[in-house]
């Protein structure tokens, strides 16, 4: 993961690391989610939970992009 130094990742569980990696790759839309990242998430998350995580990532990204496009500010 590019956003966090490796030594700090040890504080997260395997499930949390998989979700963070998946979130990073889904958010950076210029790239695709790698097979390795998806397979790791599928390995540690139940199928229905993985679907919920992906939907949550997409939903948050949509709202962020709406805010950027419309120049919304918090508050």
PDB file of N, CA and C in Angstrom:
ATOM      1  N   UNK A   1       0.834  -1.171   0.000  1.00  0.00           N
ATOM      2  CA  UNK A   1       0.000   0.000   0.000  1.00  0.00           C
ATOM      3  C   UNK A   1       0.885   1.243   0.000  1.00  0.00           C
ATOM      4  N   UNK A   2       0.553   2.136  -0.846  1.00  0.00           N
ATOM      5  CA  UNK A   2       1.378   3.323  -1.023  1.00  0.00           C
ATOM      6  C   UNK A   2       1.128   4.401   0.032  1.00  0.00           C
ATOM      7  N   UNK A   3      -0.040   4.420   0.613  1.00  0.00           N
ATOM      8  CA  UNK A   3      -0.402   5.516   1.497  1.00  0.00           C
ATOM      9  C   UNK A   3       0.099   5.334   2.927  1.00  0.00           C
ATOM     10  N   UNK A   4       0.600   4.161   3.263  1.00  0.00           N
ATOM     11  CA  UNK A   4       0.995   3.914   4.648  1.00  0.00           C
ATOM     12  C   UNK A   4       2.297   3.108   4.688  1.00  0.00           C
ATOM     13  N   UNK A   5       3.259   3.568   5.484  1.00  0.00           N
ATOM     14  CA  UNK A   5       4.508   2.815   5.614  1.00  0.00           C
ATOM     15  C   UNK A   5       4.259   1.399   6.133  1.00  0.00           C
ATOM     16  N   UNK A   6       5.032   0.460   5.647  1.00  0.00           N
ATOM     17  CA  UNK A   6       4.874  -0.943   6.004  1.00  0.00           C
ATOM     18  C   UNK A   6       4.931  -1.239   7.489  1.00  0.00           C
ATOM     19  N   UNK A   7       5.770  -0.503   8.229  1.00  0.00           N
ATOM     20  CA  UNK A   7       5.882  -0.791   9.662  1.00  0.00           C
ATOM     21  C   UNK A   7       4.588  -0.477  10.408  1.00  0.00           C
ATOM     22  N   UNK A   8       3.774   0.424   9.887  1.00  0.00           N
ATOM     23  CA  UNK A   8       2.505   0.745  10.541  1.00  0.00           C
ATOM     24  C   UNK A   8       1.422  -0.277  10.206  1.00  0.00           C
ATOM     25  N   UNK A   9       1.597  -0.996   9.111  1.00  0.00           N
ATOM     26  CA  UNK A   9       0.597  -1.993   8.723  1.00  0.00           C
ATOM     27  C   UNK A   9       0.503  -3.139   9.716  1.00  0.00           C
ATOM     28  N   UNK A  10       1.542  -3.354  10.502  1.00  0.00           N
ATOM     29  CA  UNK A  10       1.526  -4.461  11.469  1.00  0.00           C
ATOM     30  C   UNK A  10       0.466  -4.265  12.542  1.00  0.00           C
ATOM     31  N   UNK A  11      -0.034  -3.045  12.700  1.00  0.00           N
ATOM     32  CA  UNK A  11      -1.066  -2.769  13.691  1.00  0.00           C
ATOM     33  C   UNK A  11      -2.456  -3.193  13.221  1.00  0.00           C
ATOM     34  N   UNK A  12      -2.577  -3.547  11.947  1.00  0.00           N
ATOM     35  CA  UNK A  12      -3.859  -3.937  11.373  1.00  0.00           C
ATOM     36  C   UNK A  12      -3.932  -5.451  11.220  1.00  0.00           C
ATOM     37  N   UNK A  13      -5.136  -5.978  11.356  1.00  0.00           N
ATOM     38  CA  UNK A  13      -5.339  -7.415  11.149  1.00  0.00           C
ATOM     39  C   UNK A  13      -5.212  -7.739   9.659  1.00  0.00           C
ATOM     40  N   UNK A  14      -5.127  -9.011   9.345  1.00  0.00           N
ATOM     41  CA  UNK A  14      -5.056  -9.458   7.948  1.00  0.00           C
ATOM     42  C   UNK A  14      -6.285  -8.979   7.174  1.00  0.00           C
ATOM     43  N   UNK A  15      -7.449  -9.058   7.812  1.00  0.00           N
ATOM     44  CA  UNK A  15      -8.692  -8.602   7.178  1.00  0.00           C
ATOM     45  C   UNK A  15      -8.635  -7.095   6.905  1.00  0.00           C
ATOM     46  N   UNK A  16      -8.190  -6.341   7.886  1.00  0.00           N
ATOM     47  CA  UNK A  16      -8.103  -4.880   7.716  1.00  0.00           C
ATOM     48  C   UNK A  16      -7.103  -4.502   6.632  1.00  0.00           C
ATOM     49  N   UNK A  17      -5.969  -5.200   6.577  1.00  0.00           N
ATOM     50  CA  UNK A  17      -4.979  -4.918   5.526  1.00  0.00           C
ATOM     51  C   UNK A  17      -5.545  -5.218   4.147  1.00  0.00           C
ATOM     52  N   UNK A  18      -6.322  -6.295   4.030  1.00  0.00           N
ATOM     53  CA  UNK A  18      -6.940  -6.636   2.749  1.00  0.00           C
ATOM     54  C   UNK A  18      -7.940  -5.560   2.330  1.00  0.00           C
ATOM     55  N   UNK A  19      -8.722  -5.067   3.279  1.00  0.00           N
ATOM     56  CA  UNK A  19      -9.701  -4.014   2.983  1.00  0.00           C
ATOM     57  C   UNK A  19      -8.990  -2.715   2.603  1.00  0.00           C
ATOM     58  N   UNK A  20      -7.933  -2.363   3.306  1.00  0.00           N
ATOM     59  CA  UNK A  20      -7.181  -1.155   2.979  1.00  0.00           C
ATOM     60  C   UNK A  20      -6.573  -1.241   1.577  1.00  0.00           C
ATOM     61  N   UNK A  21      -5.996  -2.373   1.241  1.00  0.00           N
ATOM     62  CA  UNK A  21      -5.396  -2.549  -0.091  1.00  0.00           C
ATOM     63  C   UNK A  21      -6.466  -2.467  -1.181  1.00  0.00           C
ATOM     64  N   UNK A  22      -7.594  -3.129  -0.939  1.00  0.00           N
ATOM     65  CA  UNK A  22      -8.687  -3.099  -1.905  1.00  0.00           C
ATOM     66  C   UNK A  22      -9.207  -1.668  -2.066  1.00  0.00           C
ATOM     67  N   UNK A  23      -9.367  -0.963  -0.955  1.00  0.00           N
ATOM     68  CA  UNK A  23      -9.845   0.429  -0.998  1.00  0.00           C
ATOM     69  C   UNK A  23      -8.903   1.301  -1.814  1.00  0.00           C
ATOM     70  N   UNK A  24      -7.615   1.154  -1.580  1.00  0.00           N
ATOM     71  CA  UNK A  24      -6.639   1.954  -2.318  1.00  0.00           C
ATOM     72  C   UNK A  24      -6.738   1.692  -3.819  1.00  0.00           C
ATOM     73  N   UNK A  25      -6.832   0.445  -4.213  1.00  0.00           N
ATOM     74  CA  UNK A  25      -6.840   0.117  -5.639  1.00  0.00           C
ATOM     75  C   UNK A  25      -8.163   0.477  -6.315  1.00  0.00           C
ATOM     76  N   UNK A  26      -9.275   0.357  -5.609  1.00  0.00           N
ATOM     77  CA  UNK A  26     -10.560   0.770  -6.186  1.00  0.00           C
ATOM     78  C   UNK A  26     -10.594   2.293  -6.323  1.00  0.00           C
ATOM     79  N   UNK A  27     -10.049   2.999  -5.342  1.00  0.00           N
ATOM     80  CA  UNK A  27     -10.071   4.460  -5.343  1.00  0.00           C
ATOM     81  C   UNK A  27      -9.199   5.041  -6.444  1.00  0.00           C
ATOM     82  N   UNK A  28      -8.059   4.428  -6.704  1.00  0.00           N
ATOM     83  CA  UNK A  28      -7.169   4.908  -7.757  1.00  0.00           C
ATOM     84  C   UNK A  28      -7.633   4.352  -9.097  1.00  0.00           C
ATOM     85  N   UNK A  29      -8.630   5.017  -9.685  1.00  0.00           N
ATOM     86  CA  UNK A  29      -9.319   4.450 -10.848  1.00  0.00           C
ATOM     87  C   UNK A  29      -8.475   4.401 -12.118  1.00  0.00           C
ATOM     88  N   UNK A  30      -7.308   5.033 -12.117  1.00  0.00           N
ATOM     89  CA  UNK A  30      -6.452   4.956 -13.297  1.00  0.00           C
ATOM     90  C   UNK A  30      -5.842   3.562 -13.451  1.00  0.00           C
ATOM     91  N   UNK A  31      -5.890   2.784 -12.384  1.00  0.00           N
ATOM     92  CA  UNK A  31      -5.393   1.410 -12.398  1.00  0.00           C
ATOM     93  C   UNK A  31      -6.570   0.467 -12.167  1.00  0.00           C
ATOM     94  N   UNK A  32      -6.303  -0.786 -12.264  1.00  0.00           N
ATOM     95  CA  UNK A  32      -7.309  -1.791 -11.954  1.00  0.00           C
ATOM     96  C   UNK A  32      -6.954  -2.450 -10.629  1.00  0.00           C
ATOM     97  N   UNK A  33      -7.922  -3.101 -10.029  1.00  0.00           N
ATOM     98  CA  UNK A  33      -7.638  -3.908  -8.849  1.00  0.00           C
ATOM     99  C   UNK A  33      -6.842  -5.121  -9.338  1.00  0.00           C
ATOM    100  N   UNK A  34      -5.697  -5.336  -8.733  1.00  0.00           N
ATOM    101  CA  UNK A  34      -4.874  -6.460  -9.164  1.00  0.00           C
ATOM    102  C   UNK A  34      -5.512  -7.779  -8.732  1.00  0.00           C
ATOM    103  N   UNK A  35      -5.203  -8.820  -9.461  1.00  0.00           N
ATOM    104  CA  UNK A  35      -5.694 -10.148  -9.092  1.00  0.00           C
ATOM    105  C   UNK A  35      -5.225 -10.518  -7.691  1.00  0.00           C
ATOM    106  N   UNK A  36      -3.981 -10.167  -7.372  1.00  0.00           N
ATOM    107  CA  UNK A  36      -3.415 -10.480  -6.053  1.00  0.00           C
ATOM    108  C   UNK A  36      -4.219  -9.814  -4.928  1.00  0.00           C
ATOM    109  N   UNK A  37      -4.548  -8.547  -5.099  1.00  0.00           N
ATOM    110  CA  UNK A  37      -5.307  -7.821  -4.078  1.00  0.00           C
ATOM    111  C   UNK A  37      -6.700  -8.405  -3.932  1.00  0.00           C
ATOM    112  N   UNK A  38      -7.350  -8.670  -5.049  1.00  0.00           N
ATOM    113  CA  UNK A  38      -8.709  -9.220  -4.991  1.00  0.00           C
ATOM    114  C   UNK A  38      -8.702 -10.614  -4.360  1.00  0.00           C
ATOM    115  N   UNK A  39      -7.764 -11.444  -4.766  1.00  0.00           N
ATOM    116  CA  UNK A  39      -7.694 -12.810  -4.234  1.00  0.00           C
ATOM    117  C   UNK A  39      -7.417 -12.806  -2.732  1.00  0.00           C
ATOM    118  N   UNK A  40      -6.565 -11.893  -2.276  1.00  0.00           N
ATOM    119  CA  UNK A  40      -6.293 -11.799  -0.835  1.00  0.00           C
ATOM    120  C   UNK A  40      -7.555 -11.389  -0.087  1.00  0.00           C
ATOM    121  N   UNK A  41      -8.285 -10.422  -0.622  1.00  0.00           N
ATOM    122  CA  UNK A  41      -9.535  -9.997   0.016  1.00  0.00           C
ATOM    123  C   UNK A  41     -10.543 -11.147   0.022  1.00  0.00           C
ATOM    124  N   UNK A  42     -10.644 -11.858  -1.086  1.00  0.00           N
ATOM    125  CA  UNK A  42     -11.584 -12.977  -1.175  1.00  0.00           C
ATOM    126  C   UNK A  42     -11.194 -14.111  -0.226  1.00  0.00           C
ATOM    127  N   UNK A  43      -9.902 -14.238   0.031  1.00  0.00           N
ATOM    128  CA  UNK A  43      -9.408 -15.286   0.937  1.00  0.00           C
ATOM    129  C   UNK A  43      -9.794 -15.014   2.389  1.00  0.00           C
ATOM    130  N   UNK A  44      -9.739 -13.747   2.803  1.00  0.00           N
ATOM    131  CA  UNK A  44      -9.943 -13.430   4.220  1.00  0.00           C
ATOM    132  C   UNK A  44     -11.333 -12.884   4.543  1.00  0.00           C
ATOM    133  N   UNK A  45     -12.122 -12.554   3.520  1.00  0.00           N
ATOM    134  CA  UNK A  45     -13.469 -12.024   3.734  1.00  0.00           C
ATOM    135  C   UNK A  45     -14.499 -12.980   3.152  1.00  0.00           C
ATOM    136  N   UNK A  46     -15.598 -13.140   3.839  1.00  0.00           N
ATOM    137  CA  UNK A  46     -16.679 -13.947   3.287  1.00  0.00           C
ATOM    138  C   UNK A  46     -17.223 -13.243   2.051  1.00  0.00           C
ATOM    139  N   UNK A  47     -17.783 -14.002   1.132  1.00  0.00           N
ATOM    140  CA  UNK A  47     -18.237 -13.460  -0.149  1.00  0.00           C
ATOM    141  C   UNK A  47     -19.215 -12.289   0.016  1.00  0.00           C
ATOM    142  N   UNK A  48     -20.193 -12.441   0.896  1.00  0.00           N
ATOM    143  CA  UNK A  48     -21.178 -11.369   1.068  1.00  0.00           C
ATOM    144  C   UNK A  48     -20.544 -10.135   1.714  1.00  0.00           C
ATOM    145  N   UNK A  49     -19.602 -10.333   2.636  1.00  0.00           N
ATOM    146  CA  UNK A  49     -18.920  -9.202   3.265  1.00  0.00           C
ATOM    147  C   UNK A  49     -18.023  -8.493   2.261  1.00  0.00           C
ATOM    148  N   UNK A  50     -17.347  -9.248   1.405  1.00  0.00           N
ATOM    149  CA  UNK A  50     -16.520  -8.664   0.357  1.00  0.00           C
ATOM    150  C   UNK A  50     -17.374  -7.780  -0.553  1.00  0.00           C
ATOM    151  N   UNK A  51     -18.550  -8.252  -0.916  1.00  0.00           N
ATOM    152  CA  UNK A  51     -19.458  -7.451  -1.746  1.00  0.00           C
ATOM    153  C   UNK A  51     -19.862  -6.172  -1.021  1.00  0.00           C
ATOM    154  N   UNK A  52     -20.129  -6.272   0.273  1.00  0.00           N
ATOM    155  CA  UNK A  52     -20.501  -5.084   1.054  1.00  0.00           C
ATOM    156  C   UNK A  52     -19.341  -4.091   1.129  1.00  0.00           C
ATOM    157  N   UNK A  53     -18.143  -4.600   1.301  1.00  0.00           N
ATOM    158  CA  UNK A  53     -16.960  -3.739   1.368  1.00  0.00           C
ATOM    159  C   UNK A  53     -16.773  -3.008   0.043  1.00  0.00           C
ATOM    160  N   UNK A  54     -16.876  -3.730  -1.061  1.00  0.00           N
ATOM    161  CA  UNK A  54     -16.716  -3.112  -2.383  1.00  0.00           C
ATOM    162  C   UNK A  54     -17.782  -2.035  -2.591  1.00  0.00           C
ATOM    163  N   UNK A  55     -19.022  -2.322  -2.235  1.00  0.00           N
ATOM    164  CA  UNK A  55     -20.092  -1.341  -2.382  1.00  0.00           C
ATOM    165  C   UNK A  55     -19.834  -0.114  -1.505  1.00  0.00           C
ATOM    166  N   UNK A  56     -19.347  -0.311  -0.294  1.00  0.00           N
ATOM    167  CA  UNK A  56     -19.040   0.813   0.591  1.00  0.00           C
ATOM    168  C   UNK A  56     -17.923   1.676  -0.001  1.00  0.00           C
ATOM    169  N   UNK A  57     -16.885   1.038  -0.523  1.00  0.00           N
ATOM    170  CA  UNK A  57     -15.780   1.778  -1.147  1.00  0.00           C
ATOM    171  C   UNK A  57     -16.305   2.611  -2.311  1.00  0.00           C
ATOM    172  N   UNK A  58     -17.098   1.994  -3.160  1.00  0.00           N
ATOM    173  CA  UNK A  58     -17.640   2.691  -4.330  1.00  0.00           C
ATOM    174  C   UNK A  58     -18.539   3.846  -3.895  1.00  0.00           C
ATOM    175  N   UNK A  59     -19.387   3.625  -2.904  1.00  0.00           N
ATOM    176  CA  UNK A  59     -20.305   4.675  -2.431  1.00  0.00           C
ATOM    177  C   UNK A  59     -19.537   5.875  -1.889  1.00  0.00           C
ATOM    178  N   UNK A  60     -18.538   5.620  -1.070  1.00  0.00           N
ATOM    179  CA  UNK A  60     -17.732   6.715  -0.520  1.00  0.00           C
ATOM    180  C   UNK A  60     -17.032   7.475  -1.643  1.00  0.00           C
ATOM    181  N   UNK A  61     -16.500   6.755  -2.619  1.00  0.00           N
ATOM    182  CA  UNK A  61     -15.826   7.400  -3.739  1.00  0.00           C
ATOM    183  C   UNK A  61     -16.781   8.245  -4.573  1.00  0.00           C
ATOM    184  N   UNK A  62     -17.999   7.768  -4.768  1.00  0.00           N
ATOM    185  CA  UNK A  62     -18.987   8.544  -5.522  1.00  0.00           C
ATOM    186  C   UNK A  62     -19.270   9.863  -4.810  1.00  0.00           C
ATOM    187  N   UNK A  63     -19.514   9.800  -3.508  1.00  0.00           N
ATOM    188  CA  UNK A  63     -19.799  11.027  -2.767  1.00  0.00           C
ATOM    189  C   UNK A  63     -18.606  11.976  -2.787  1.00  0.00           C
ATOM    190  N   UNK A  64     -17.401  11.449  -2.689  1.00  0.00           N
ATOM    191  CA  UNK A  64     -16.205  12.293  -2.779  1.00  0.00           C
ATOM    192  C   UNK A  64     -16.112  12.968  -4.142  1.00  0.00           C
ATOM    193  N   UNK A  65     -16.397  12.227  -5.197  1.00  0.00           N
ATOM    194  CA  UNK A  65     -16.317  12.797  -6.546  1.00  0.00           C
ATOM    195  C   UNK A  65     -17.431  13.829  -6.785  1.00  0.00           C
ATOM    196  N   UNK A  66     -18.606  13.605  -6.223  1.00  0.00           N
ATOM    197  CA  UNK A  66     -19.672  14.605  -6.315  1.00  0.00           C
ATOM    198  C   UNK A  66     -19.230  15.887  -5.615  1.00  0.00           C
ATOM    199  N   UNK A  67     -18.653  15.739  -4.432  1.00  0.00           N
ATOM    200  CA  UNK A  67     -18.165  16.899  -3.699  1.00  0.00           C
ATOM    201  C   UNK A  67     -17.100  17.664  -4.467  1.00  0.00           C
ATOM    202  N   UNK A  68     -16.181  16.943  -5.088  1.00  0.00           N
ATOM    203  CA  UNK A  68     -15.125  17.579  -5.872  1.00  0.00           C
ATOM    204  C   UNK A  68     -15.711  18.287  -7.086  1.00  0.00           C
ATOM    205  N   UNK A  69     -16.597  17.599  -7.804  1.00  0.00           N
ATOM    206  CA  UNK A  69     -17.178  18.162  -9.026  1.00  0.00           C
ATOM    207  C   UNK A  69     -18.031  19.397  -8.754  1.00  0.00           C
ATOM    208  N   UNK A  70     -18.693  19.435  -7.619  1.00  0.00           N
ATOM    209  CA  UNK A  70     -19.586  20.554  -7.298  1.00  0.00           C
ATOM    210  C   UNK A  70     -18.956  21.547  -6.325  1.00  0.00           C
ATOM    211  N   UNK A  71     -17.688  21.302  -5.983  1.00  0.00           N
ATOM    212  CA  UNK A  71     -16.936  22.177  -5.078  1.00  0.00           C
ATOM    213  C   UNK A  71     -17.618  22.349  -3.722  1.00  0.00           C
ATOM    214  N   UNK A  72     -18.217  21.268  -3.248  1.00  0.00           N
ATOM    215  CA  UNK A  72     -18.834  21.286  -1.921  1.00  0.00           C
ATOM    216  C   UNK A  72     -17.749  21.332  -0.854  1.00  0.00           C
ATOM    217  N   UNK A  73     -18.044  21.985   0.239  1.00  0.00           N
ATOM    218  CA  UNK A  73     -17.134  22.005   1.369  1.00  0.00           C
ATOM    219  C   UNK A  73     -17.881  21.518   2.599  1.00  0.00           C
ATOM    220  N   UNK A  74     -17.197  20.816   3.486  1.00  0.00           N
ATOM    221  CA  UNK A  74     -17.853  20.330   4.694  1.00  0.00           C
ATOM    222  C   UNK A  74     -18.373  21.488   5.550  1.00  0.00           C
ATOM    223  N   UNK A  75     -19.481  21.207   6.247  1.00  0.00           N
ATOM    224  CA  UNK A  75     -19.970  22.197   7.193  1.00  0.00           C
ATOM    225  C   UNK A  75     -21.138  22.911   6.750  1.00  0.00           C
TER     226      UNK A  75
END
